[in-house]
Amino acid sequence: MQRHTADMHADTPPESIHMMDAGQLAAPGISFFVMRDVGVAVGMGAFKQIDAGHAEIKSMHVLTEVRGRGLSKRMLTHLIDEARAMGFRRLSLETGVQPTFLAARALYAKAGFEECPPFEGYAPDPNSIFMTKAL
């Protein structure tokens, strides 16, 4: 979580950081998952219920040193499968426009997410891209 927070603050203006901190991720309505490699946490992902049919991916992150092994795709697939199993019909997300988010945006697009207008609680932001996928 500390490395995810540091990465988010590295090149995103503070007013455009929409991540949830560890305390918020422990709240009701949040499904939080940790990916481990031989017992060591190497990734995390969460989604937040917006309403009965819609959830939002929050705070997905895989450590830099283990990237390139398909772990981000596995985490995203897990989040999609879990959201579908819980009865959500739509999964949305907000991500950055900065070059550091290029791989994430490509991953989301390859998984079927499409750009959309801001959704629940968001306003237009020049530093954000909003994406959604019907499940």
C-alpha atoms as a PDB file:
ATOM      1  CA  MET A   1       0.000   0.000   0.000  1.00  0.00           C
ATOM      2  CA  GLN A   2       2.866   2.356   0.760  1.00  0.00           C
ATOM      3  CA  ARG A   3       4.415   1.839  -2.664  1.00  0.00           C
ATOM      4  CA  HIS A   4       1.052   2.261  -4.385  1.00  0.00           C
ATOM      5  CA  THR A   5       0.504   5.532  -2.518  1.00  0.00           C
ATOM      6  CA  ALA A   6       3.991   6.766  -3.427  1.00  0.00           C
ATOM      7  CA  ASP A   7       3.436   5.900  -7.103  1.00  0.00           C
ATOM      8  CA  MET A   8       0.114   7.748  -7.174  1.00  0.00           C
ATOM      9  CA  HIS A   9       1.690  10.874  -5.675  1.00  0.00           C
ATOM     10  CA  ALA A  10       4.794  10.736  -7.921  1.00  0.00           C
ATOM     11  CA  ASP A  11       3.301  12.402 -11.007  1.00  0.00           C
ATOM     12  CA  THR A  12      -0.379  13.075 -10.335  1.00  0.00           C
ATOM     13  CA  PRO A  13      -1.531  16.420  -8.929  1.00  0.00           C
ATOM     14  CA  PRO A  14      -3.004  15.939  -5.430  1.00  0.00           C
ATOM     15  CA  GLU A  15      -6.468  17.126  -6.499  1.00  0.00           C
ATOM     16  CA  SER A  16      -6.559  14.371  -9.137  1.00  0.00           C
ATOM     17  CA  ILE A  17      -5.605  11.448  -6.873  1.00  0.00           C
ATOM     18  CA  HIS A  18      -8.715   9.349  -6.295  1.00  0.00           C
ATOM     19  CA  MET A  19      -7.187   6.292  -4.622  1.00  0.00           C
ATOM     20  CA  MET A  20      -8.526   4.903  -1.374  1.00  0.00           C
ATOM     21  CA  ASP A  21      -6.193   4.631   1.601  1.00  0.00           C
ATOM     22  CA  ALA A  22      -5.841   1.473   3.688  1.00  0.00           C
ATOM     23  CA  GLY A  23      -8.541   2.549   6.140  1.00  0.00           C
ATOM     24  CA  GLN A  24     -11.048   3.241   3.365  1.00  0.00           C
ATOM     25  CA  LEU A  25     -10.299  -0.132   1.767  1.00  0.00           C
ATOM     26  CA  ALA A  26     -11.375  -1.838   5.011  1.00  0.00           C
ATOM     27  CA  ALA A  27     -14.858  -0.274   4.915  1.00  0.00           C
ATOM     28  CA  PRO A  28     -18.138  -2.079   4.185  1.00  0.00           C
ATOM     29  CA  GLY A  29     -18.934  -2.359   0.474  1.00  0.00           C
ATOM     30  CA  ILE A  30     -15.261  -2.877  -0.446  1.00  0.00           C
ATOM     31  CA  SER A  31     -13.906  -6.193  -1.740  1.00  0.00           C
ATOM     32  CA  PHE A  32     -10.114  -6.194  -1.273  1.00  0.00           C
ATOM     33  CA  PHE A  33      -7.681  -8.840  -2.556  1.00  0.00           C
ATOM     34  CA  VAL A  34      -3.950  -9.401  -2.047  1.00  0.00           C
ATOM     35  CA  MET A  35      -1.850 -11.371  -4.532  1.00  0.00           C
ATOM     36  CA  ARG A  36       1.027 -13.288  -2.977  1.00  0.00           C
ATOM     37  CA  ASP A  37       4.090 -15.005  -4.395  1.00  0.00           C
ATOM     38  CA  VAL A  38       5.470 -17.596  -1.955  1.00  0.00           C
ATOM     39  CA  GLY A  39       3.710 -15.747   0.871  1.00  0.00           C
ATOM     40  CA  VAL A  40       4.989 -12.279  -0.058  1.00  0.00           C
ATOM     41  CA  ALA A  41       2.428  -9.650  -1.084  1.00  0.00           C
ATOM     42  CA  VAL A  42       3.185  -8.573  -4.666  1.00  0.00           C
ATOM     43  CA  GLY A  43      -0.109  -7.053  -5.752  1.00  0.00           C
ATOM     44  CA  MET A  44      -3.486  -5.841  -4.633  1.00  0.00           C
ATOM     45  CA  GLY A  45      -6.817  -4.911  -6.078  1.00  0.00           C
ATOM     46  CA  ALA A  46     -10.176  -3.813  -4.800  1.00  0.00           C
ATOM     47  CA  PHE A  47     -13.603  -2.853  -5.981  1.00  0.00           C
ATOM     48  CA  LYS A  48     -16.210  -0.690  -4.328  1.00  0.00           C
ATOM     49  CA  GLN A  49     -19.948  -1.136  -4.636  1.00  0.00           C
ATOM     50  CA  ILE A  50     -21.575   1.944  -6.159  1.00  0.00           C
ATOM     51  CA  ASP A  51     -25.085   0.482  -6.266  1.00  0.00           C
ATOM     52  CA  ALA A  52     -26.725  -2.938  -6.614  1.00  0.00           C
ATOM     53  CA  GLY A  53     -25.525  -3.386 -10.205  1.00  0.00           C
ATOM     54  CA  HIS A  54     -22.417  -1.221 -10.470  1.00  0.00           C
ATOM     55  CA  ALA A  55     -18.966  -1.422  -8.842  1.00  0.00           C
ATOM     56  CA  GLU A  56     -15.734   0.534  -9.268  1.00  0.00           C
ATOM     57  CA  ILE A  57     -12.207  -0.875  -9.367  1.00  0.00           C
ATOM     58  CA  LYS A  58     -10.074   0.870  -6.753  1.00  0.00           C
ATOM     59  CA  SER A  59      -6.355   0.773  -5.990  1.00  0.00           C
ATOM     60  CA  MET A  60      -5.185  -1.981  -8.324  1.00  0.00           C
ATOM     61  CA  HIS A  61      -1.384  -2.305  -8.112  1.00  0.00           C
ATOM     62  CA  VAL A  62       1.345  -4.870  -8.822  1.00  0.00           C
ATOM     63  CA  LEU A  63       4.883  -4.236  -7.575  1.00  0.00           C
ATOM     64  CA  THR A  64       7.291  -3.003 -10.244  1.00  0.00           C
ATOM     65  CA  GLU A  65       9.811  -5.808  -9.726  1.00  0.00           C
ATOM     66  CA  VAL A  66       7.261  -8.537 -10.565  1.00  0.00           C
ATOM     67  CA  ARG A  67       5.645  -6.861 -13.560  1.00  0.00           C
ATOM     68  CA  GLY A  68       5.921  -8.564 -16.923  1.00  0.00           C
ATOM     69  CA  ARG A  69       4.701 -11.905 -15.574  1.00  0.00           C
ATOM     70  CA  GLY A  70       1.008 -11.397 -16.352  1.00  0.00           C
ATOM     71  CA  LEU A  71       0.113 -10.668 -12.724  1.00  0.00           C
ATOM     72  CA  SER A  72      -1.768  -7.454 -13.508  1.00  0.00           C
ATOM     73  CA  LYS A  73      -3.913  -9.321 -16.015  1.00  0.00           C
ATOM     74  CA  ARG A  74      -4.547 -12.077 -13.443  1.00  0.00           C
ATOM     75  CA  MET A  75      -5.571  -9.522 -10.801  1.00  0.00           C
ATOM     76  CA  LEU A  76      -7.865  -7.707 -13.224  1.00  0.00           C
ATOM     77  CA  THR A  77      -9.452 -10.994 -14.322  1.00  0.00           C
ATOM     78  CA  HIS A  78      -9.973 -11.905 -10.661  1.00  0.00           C
ATOM     79  CA  LEU A  79     -11.652  -8.558  -9.931  1.00  0.00           C
ATOM     80  CA  ILE A  80     -13.943  -8.932 -12.953  1.00  0.00           C
ATOM     81  CA  ASP A  81     -14.842 -12.519 -12.028  1.00  0.00           C
ATOM     82  CA  GLU A  82     -15.530 -11.627  -8.384  1.00  0.00           C
ATOM     83  CA  ALA A  83     -17.650  -8.602  -9.322  1.00  0.00           C
ATOM     84  CA  ARG A  84     -19.652 -10.737 -11.752  1.00  0.00           C
ATOM     85  CA  ALA A  85     -20.096 -13.475  -9.111  1.00  0.00           C
ATOM     86  CA  MET A  86     -21.419 -10.865  -6.667  1.00  0.00           C
ATOM     87  CA  GLY A  87     -24.087  -9.870  -9.195  1.00  0.00           C
ATOM     88  CA  PHE A  88     -22.682  -6.615 -10.516  1.00  0.00           C
ATOM     89  CA  ARG A  89     -23.620  -5.883 -14.110  1.00  0.00           C
ATOM     90  CA  ARG A  90     -21.139  -3.048 -14.688  1.00  0.00           C
ATOM     91  CA  LEU A  91     -17.576  -2.425 -13.526  1.00  0.00           C
ATOM     92  CA  SER A  92     -16.009   1.014 -13.938  1.00  0.00           C
ATOM     93  CA  LEU A  93     -12.726   2.685 -13.049  1.00  0.00           C
ATOM     94  CA  GLU A  94     -10.818   5.950 -13.016  1.00  0.00           C
ATOM     95  CA  THR A  95      -7.170   6.044 -14.036  1.00  0.00           C
ATOM     96  CA  GLY A  96      -4.593   8.682 -14.878  1.00  0.00           C
ATOM     97  CA  VAL A  97      -3.676  10.239 -18.201  1.00  0.00           C
ATOM     98  CA  GLN A  98       0.042  10.394 -17.364  1.00  0.00           C
ATOM     99  CA  PRO A  99       2.478   8.152 -19.268  1.00  0.00           C
ATOM    100  CA  THR A 100       2.976   6.026 -16.132  1.00  0.00           C
ATOM    101  CA  PHE A 101      -0.626   4.825 -16.542  1.00  0.00           C
ATOM    102  CA  LEU A 102      -0.265   3.858 -20.218  1.00  0.00           C
ATOM    103  CA  ALA A 103       0.237   0.133 -19.513  1.00  0.00           C
ATOM    104  CA  ALA A 104      -2.742   0.098 -17.144  1.00  0.00           C
ATOM    105  CA  ARG A 105      -4.989   1.797 -19.703  1.00  0.00           C
ATOM    106  CA  ALA A 106      -3.887  -0.728 -22.353  1.00  0.00           C
ATOM    107  CA  LEU A 107      -4.613  -3.601 -19.960  1.00  0.00           C
ATOM    108  CA  TYR A 108      -8.099  -2.269 -19.215  1.00  0.00           C
ATOM    109  CA  ALA A 109      -8.852  -1.701 -22.915  1.00  0.00           C
ATOM    110  CA  LYS A 110      -7.684  -5.223 -23.808  1.00  0.00           C
ATOM    111  CA  ALA A 111     -10.031  -6.568 -21.115  1.00  0.00           C
ATOM    112  CA  GLY A 112     -12.983  -4.804 -22.754  1.00  0.00           C
ATOM    113  CA  PHE A 113     -13.170  -1.559 -20.796  1.00  0.00           C
ATOM    114  CA  GLU A 114     -14.161   1.462 -22.860  1.00  0.00           C
ATOM    115  CA  GLU A 115     -13.807   5.154 -22.103  1.00  0.00           C
ATOM    116  CA  CYS A 116     -16.903   6.742 -20.593  1.00  0.00           C
ATOM    117  CA  PRO A 117     -17.952   9.996 -18.932  1.00  0.00           C
ATOM    118  CA  PRO A 118     -17.272  10.504 -15.223  1.00  0.00           C
ATOM    119  CA  PHE A 119     -19.512   8.316 -13.088  1.00  0.00           C
ATOM    120  CA  GLU A 120     -20.743   8.252  -9.484  1.00  0.00           C
ATOM    121  CA  GLY A 121     -19.040  11.000  -7.466  1.00  0.00           C
ATOM    122  CA  TYR A 122     -16.528  12.097 -10.117  1.00  0.00           C
ATOM    123  CA  ALA A 123     -16.370  15.338 -12.075  1.00  0.00           C
ATOM    124  CA  PRO A 124     -14.500  15.893 -15.333  1.00  0.00           C
ATOM    125  CA  ASP A 125     -10.754  16.027 -14.620  1.00  0.00           C
ATOM    126  CA  PRO A 126      -8.032  16.679 -17.212  1.00  0.00           C
ATOM    127  CA  ASN A 127      -5.800  14.201 -15.334  1.00  0.00           C
ATOM    128  CA  SER A 128      -8.342  11.359 -15.354  1.00  0.00           C
ATOM    129  CA  ILE A 129      -9.723   8.858 -17.825  1.00  0.00           C
ATOM    130  CA  PHE A 130     -12.907   7.010 -16.922  1.00  0.00           C
ATOM    131  CA  MET A 131     -13.593   3.532 -18.280  1.00  0.00           C
ATOM    132  CA  THR A 132     -16.418   1.006 -17.917  1.00  0.00           C
ATOM    133  CA  LYS A 133     -17.297  -2.543 -18.881  1.00  0.00           C
ATOM    134  CA  ALA A 134     -20.620  -4.385 -18.931  1.00  0.00           C
ATOM    135  CA  LEU A 135     -20.270  -7.725 -17.156  1.00  0.00           C
END
